[in-house]
Amino acid sequence: ESIVIFMADKTASGAFNLPLYKIFADPFNTVGLVIAGNMHGGFAFEIHDVKEHKKVMLNAPEEIYDMLVFLGAPSRYAVKAVFHRETKDIAAVSSTQRLSMMAGRYVGKDDPVCIVRCQGYFPAVGEVLEPFAGPNIVEGWMRGSHHGPLMPTSVAQSNPTRFDGPPRIIAAGFQLSGGMLVGPNDLFDDPAFDNARKQANDIADILRRMGPFEPHRLPLEEMEYTTLPQVMKKLKGRLIDLD
């Protein structure tokens, strides 16, 4: 059995929502959902409300429209786990804890991790990596207060430097053999992902031109646990009612 461990930096737990949806619910990404009989029954998603501390289980493919209501709001809802529906075996698990909500203030981004099982009645390794062939936009980056592209990189290039970013993700591949993990193999150390890295840099250039303006900067309701409230408190006395 093959296992891929994704490790992200300068982003939050909801960053895995779109990749996990593509891996386990999108046949345009994972052709095994169509042509592999042992995957045709679909997968179940455990989704957490990280603000209200609730969870919901939804099944793909028949409930994907309902599922996307939650997954499309990654600042609040995050995929905790995915299960193979016929066997009930766990297929993927990710970290969903929000450090700022645990500490009550900004203490850095969550740097989430996701573990995905591959082969057999799970997606193939290539299907698991395919969502990262194009960068999706995630929250985090500088001071945890900005949107930016999630750039797939090798371990050697995983240092977030420009504006403390852009957000990075690496993929470590392991083979489970005799109860031991053999590896890792640096899966994004591959020219096949060069175009994704170029696209991420192009997106970063466009977003950085906006400086402190939304949508590069997070909306105010998402800045509650950053350093912005300290500034707002200082200016509170200068806000007066409109006539």
Foldseek 3Di string as FASTA:
>chain_A
DKKKKKWKFQFAQLQCLVLVCQQFANCVLFVCCPPPPLCVQGKKWWKAQQPVGDIDIDTPPVCVVVVCVQSVCSLGMHTAWMARVPVRHTFKGKDHHAVLVVVVAQDAHDRMMMMGDDDDSGTHPSSSCRVLLAWDWGAGQAQSFFIATEAEDFPVPCQQDDSSDDMYMWMFMWDQDPNDTDDTDGVSPDCSSVVNNVNRVVRVVVLVVQPCDPPGTPDPVSCSRTCVVVVCVVCVVVDDDDD
